[in-house]
């Protein structure tokens, strides 16, 4: 199992960890995947920074296809756990940490009740709002879980692909910021815009 004391906090740590875990991940696949999923879900549930390094690690160890499947599964499971935890005890904390952002999010959700899935997909695909905030704020602003789950499962695929693919060339990556350069952000916003296009089209027809 991977201990919390050796979780990667930067790219240098990640390269060392990848080299040390490559053989273990190959020889003990089930144990490693269970450990990886448990750690990723735990980090997502309790908003612990560093899941981006876990995503890069998945790419470095498993390649693009298996890496993306693994990351999307664990990220969705972790986000879902965070959703329910926040639903139980998160309202005071979220209101204290992000009062203005929470009010903004609530007003935007209220305006988009009929196309909530499209809106949440846009938020998941683009970096408009932090994913951590979306996880904890969604139950508070009354986003139904089935909408949250579907938007998370689909919406995390583009960013997961970018991160996992970067893990294949871990040695060439100089900074995490290199993952989301201007070109990448433009692509994500274009993909995200597709998800809200039906809403824009409907509004246009209404005004006409």
Protein backbone atom coordinates (compact mmCIF):
# COMPACT_ATOMS: atom_id res chain seq x y z
CA UNK A 1 0.00 0.00 0.00
CA UNK A 2 1.05 3.60 -0.57
CA UNK A 3 1.50 5.43 2.71
CA UNK A 4 0.42 9.04 3.08
CA UNK A 5 3.99 10.00 4.01
CA UNK A 6 5.16 9.21 0.50
CA UNK A 7 2.36 10.88 -1.42
CA UNK A 8 3.80 13.18 -4.09
CA UNK A 9 3.72 16.91 -3.40
CA UNK A 10 5.67 18.03 -6.48
CA UNK A 11 6.95 16.65 -9.77
CA UNK A 12 10.27 15.57 -8.30
CA UNK A 13 8.49 13.46 -5.67
CA UNK A 14 6.25 12.04 -8.37
CA UNK A 15 9.15 10.93 -10.58
CA UNK A 16 10.79 9.14 -7.65
CA UNK A 17 7.49 7.54 -6.63
CA UNK A 18 6.80 6.39 -10.18
CA UNK A 19 10.19 4.71 -10.44
CA UNK A 20 9.69 2.97 -7.10
CA UNK A 21 6.15 1.82 -7.82
CA UNK A 22 6.48 0.68 -11.44
CA UNK A 23 7.48 -2.91 -10.58
CA UNK A 24 5.01 -3.16 -7.68
CA UNK A 25 2.14 -1.90 -9.86
CA UNK A 26 3.01 -4.54 -12.47
CA UNK A 27 3.47 -7.49 -10.09
CA UNK A 28 0.62 -6.70 -7.68
CA UNK A 29 -1.94 -5.07 -9.94
CA UNK A 30 -5.08 -5.62 -7.86
CA UNK A 31 -3.47 -4.54 -4.58
CA UNK A 32 -1.97 -1.47 -6.19
CA UNK A 33 -5.19 -0.40 -7.91
CA UNK A 34 -7.17 -0.85 -4.68
CA UNK A 35 -4.61 1.23 -2.81
CA UNK A 36 -4.52 3.87 -5.53
CA UNK A 37 -8.31 4.16 -5.65
CA UNK A 38 -8.61 4.32 -1.86
CA UNK A 39 -6.06 7.12 -1.60
CA UNK A 40 -7.51 9.11 -4.51
CA UNK A 41 -11.07 8.83 -3.18
CA UNK A 42 -9.94 9.76 0.34
CA UNK A 43 -8.12 12.84 -0.96
CA UNK A 44 -11.15 13.92 -3.01
CA UNK A 45 -13.58 13.31 -0.17
CA UNK A 46 -11.67 15.43 2.33
CA UNK A 47 -10.40 18.05 -0.14
CA UNK A 48 -6.73 17.12 0.27
CA UNK A 49 -4.57 18.77 -2.43
CA UNK A 50 -2.50 16.60 -4.73
CA UNK A 51 -4.91 14.56 -6.84
CA UNK A 52 -3.38 16.06 -9.98
CA UNK A 53 -0.16 14.19 -9.12
CA UNK A 54 -2.16 11.00 -8.69
CA UNK A 55 -3.62 11.53 -12.17
CA UNK A 56 -0.17 12.05 -13.65
CA UNK A 57 0.97 8.88 -11.90
CA UNK A 58 -1.88 6.93 -13.50
CA UNK A 59 -0.73 8.06 -16.92
CA UNK A 60 2.89 7.22 -16.20
CA UNK A 61 2.05 3.72 -14.98
CA UNK A 62 -0.94 2.69 -17.10
CA UNK A 63 -0.95 4.76 -20.28
CA UNK A 64 -3.75 6.90 -21.66
CA UNK A 65 -6.75 4.58 -21.97
CA UNK A 66 -6.46 2.68 -18.70
CA UNK A 67 -5.15 5.77 -16.95
CA UNK A 68 -8.13 7.91 -17.98
CA UNK A 69 -10.60 5.18 -16.98
CA UNK A 70 -8.93 4.84 -13.59
CA UNK A 71 -8.78 8.58 -12.94
CA UNK A 72 -12.35 9.30 -14.06
CA UNK A 73 -13.69 6.44 -11.93
CA UNK A 74 -11.80 7.44 -8.78
CA UNK A 75 -12.38 11.17 -9.26
CA UNK A 76 -16.12 10.62 -9.72
CA UNK A 77 -16.29 8.32 -6.70
CA UNK A 78 -14.32 10.80 -4.58
CA UNK A 79 -16.41 13.75 -5.73
CA UNK A 80 -19.58 11.80 -4.91
CA UNK A 81 -18.28 11.03 -1.42
CA UNK A 82 -17.44 14.70 -0.95
CA UNK A 83 -20.95 15.63 -2.13
CA UNK A 84 -22.63 13.48 0.53
CA UNK A 85 -20.20 14.53 3.25
CA UNK A 86 -20.90 18.17 2.47
CA UNK A 87 -24.63 17.49 2.43
CA UNK A 88 -24.35 16.21 6.00
CA UNK A 89 -21.97 18.72 7.58
CA UNK A 90 -20.64 21.08 4.92
CA UNK A 91 -23.02 24.05 4.89
CA UNK A 92 -21.37 26.08 7.71
CA UNK A 93 -17.86 25.42 6.37
CA UNK A 94 -18.65 26.31 2.76
CA UNK A 95 -20.55 29.42 3.83
CA UNK A 96 -17.56 30.50 5.91
CA UNK A 97 -14.84 29.72 3.34
CA UNK A 98 -16.55 30.95 0.16
CA UNK A 99 -19.54 33.17 1.06
CA UNK A 100 -19.52 35.29 -2.11
CA UNK A 101 -18.71 32.41 -4.42
CA UNK A 102 -21.49 30.34 -2.85
CA UNK A 103 -24.05 33.13 -3.36
CA UNK A 104 -22.95 33.50 -6.98
CA UNK A 105 -23.16 29.75 -7.59
CA UNK A 106 -26.60 29.56 -5.99
CA UNK A 107 -27.96 32.37 -8.14
CA UNK A 108 -26.55 30.81 -11.33
CA UNK A 109 -28.01 27.41 -10.47
CA UNK A 110 -31.41 28.97 -9.75
CA UNK A 111 -31.42 30.60 -13.20
CA UNK A 112 -30.60 27.33 -14.95
CA UNK A 113 -32.92 24.81 -13.31
CA UNK A 114 -34.18 23.51 -16.65
CA UNK A 115 -30.68 23.03 -18.13
CA UNK A 116 -28.77 22.25 -14.97
CA UNK A 117 -26.88 19.31 -16.47
CA UNK A 118 -25.57 21.45 -19.33
CA UNK A 119 -24.44 24.16 -16.92
CA UNK A 120 -22.70 21.73 -14.58
CA UNK A 121 -21.03 20.01 -17.53
CA UNK A 122 -19.64 23.38 -18.61
CA UNK A 123 -18.27 23.99 -15.11
CA UNK A 124 -16.68 20.54 -14.94
CA UNK A 125 -15.03 20.78 -18.35
CA UNK A 126 -13.74 24.33 -17.95
CA UNK A 127 -11.77 25.84 -15.06
CA UNK A 128 -14.53 28.39 -14.39
CA UNK A 129 -14.94 27.18 -10.79
CA UNK A 130 -12.60 24.90 -8.80
CA UNK A 131 -13.74 21.28 -8.77
CA UNK A 132 -13.34 21.15 -5.01
CA UNK A 133 -15.79 24.01 -4.61
CA UNK A 134 -18.27 22.36 -6.99
CA UNK A 135 -18.07 19.13 -4.97
CA UNK A 136 -18.85 20.74 -1.63
CA UNK A 137 -21.24 23.44 -2.83
CA UNK A 138 -23.47 21.37 -5.11
CA UNK A 139 -25.61 19.75 -2.38
CA UNK A 140 -25.91 23.09 -0.60
CA UNK A 141 -27.36 24.82 -3.67
CA UNK A 142 -29.73 21.87 -4.23
CA UNK A 143 -28.14 20.26 -7.27
CA UNK A 144 -29.64 16.74 -7.43
CA UNK A 145 -27.10 13.95 -7.05
CA UNK A 146 -27.99 12.27 -10.36
CA UNK A 147 -27.23 15.53 -12.20
CA UNK A 148 -24.04 16.03 -10.19
CA UNK A 149 -22.91 12.46 -10.87
CA UNK A 150 -23.59 12.54 -14.62
CA UNK A 151 -21.90 15.91 -15.09
CA UNK A 152 -18.90 14.78 -13.07
CA UNK A 153 -18.50 11.46 -14.86
CA UNK A 154 -18.61 13.01 -18.33
CA UNK A 155 -17.21 16.45 -17.58
CA UNK A 156 -13.98 15.23 -16.02
CA UNK A 157 -12.94 13.25 -19.09
CA UNK A 158 -11.26 16.08 -21.09
CA UNK A 159 -9.12 17.38 -18.19
CA UNK A 160 -8.33 13.82 -17.08
CA UNK A 161 -7.15 12.98 -20.59
CA UNK A 162 -4.85 16.02 -20.65
CA UNK A 163 -3.34 15.18 -17.26
CA UNK A 164 -3.01 11.44 -17.82
CA UNK A 165 -1.44 11.95 -21.25
CA UNK A 166 1.09 14.33 -19.70
CA UNK A 167 2.04 11.55 -17.31
CA UNK A 168 3.47 9.58 -20.24
CA UNK A 169 6.17 12.24 -20.61
CA UNK A 170 6.68 12.86 -16.91
CA UNK A 171 10.39 13.45 -17.35
CA UNK A 172 9.79 16.34 -19.75
CA UNK A 173 7.19 18.09 -17.60
CA UNK A 174 8.75 21.09 -15.85
CA UNK A 175 5.73 22.42 -13.98
CA UNK A 176 2.11 21.49 -13.30
CA UNK A 177 1.21 24.85 -14.83
CA UNK A 178 2.47 23.55 -18.17
CA UNK A 179 -0.54 21.23 -18.27
CA UNK A 180 -2.96 24.10 -18.75
CA UNK A 181 -1.34 26.57 -21.11
CA UNK A 182 -3.39 29.09 -23.09
CA UNK A 183 -4.02 26.69 -25.98
CA UNK A 184 -5.28 23.96 -23.66
CA UNK A 185 -7.59 26.35 -21.82
CA UNK A 186 -9.06 27.55 -25.12
CA UNK A 187 -9.75 23.94 -26.15
CA UNK A 188 -11.43 23.19 -22.82
CA UNK A 189 -13.63 26.27 -23.08
CA UNK A 190 -14.60 25.31 -26.64
CA UNK A 191 -15.56 21.82 -25.51
CA UNK A 192 -17.43 23.28 -22.56
CA UNK A 193 -19.28 25.69 -24.81
CA UNK A 194 -20.75 22.75 -26.70
CA UNK A 195 -22.48 21.63 -23.51
CA UNK A 196 -24.27 24.96 -23.04
CA UNK A 197 -25.03 25.53 -26.73
CA UNK A 198 -28.57 24.06 -26.44
CA UNK A 199 -29.33 26.53 -23.64
CA UNK A 200 -28.08 29.48 -25.68
CA UNK A 201 -30.05 28.31 -28.71
CA UNK A 202 -33.23 27.94 -26.66
CA UNK A 203 -32.88 31.45 -25.23
CA UNK A 204 -32.34 32.87 -28.70
CA UNK A 205 -35.50 31.20 -29.98
CA UNK A 206 -37.43 32.46 -26.95
CA UNK A 207 -36.41 36.06 -27.60
CA UNK A 208 -37.25 35.72 -31.28
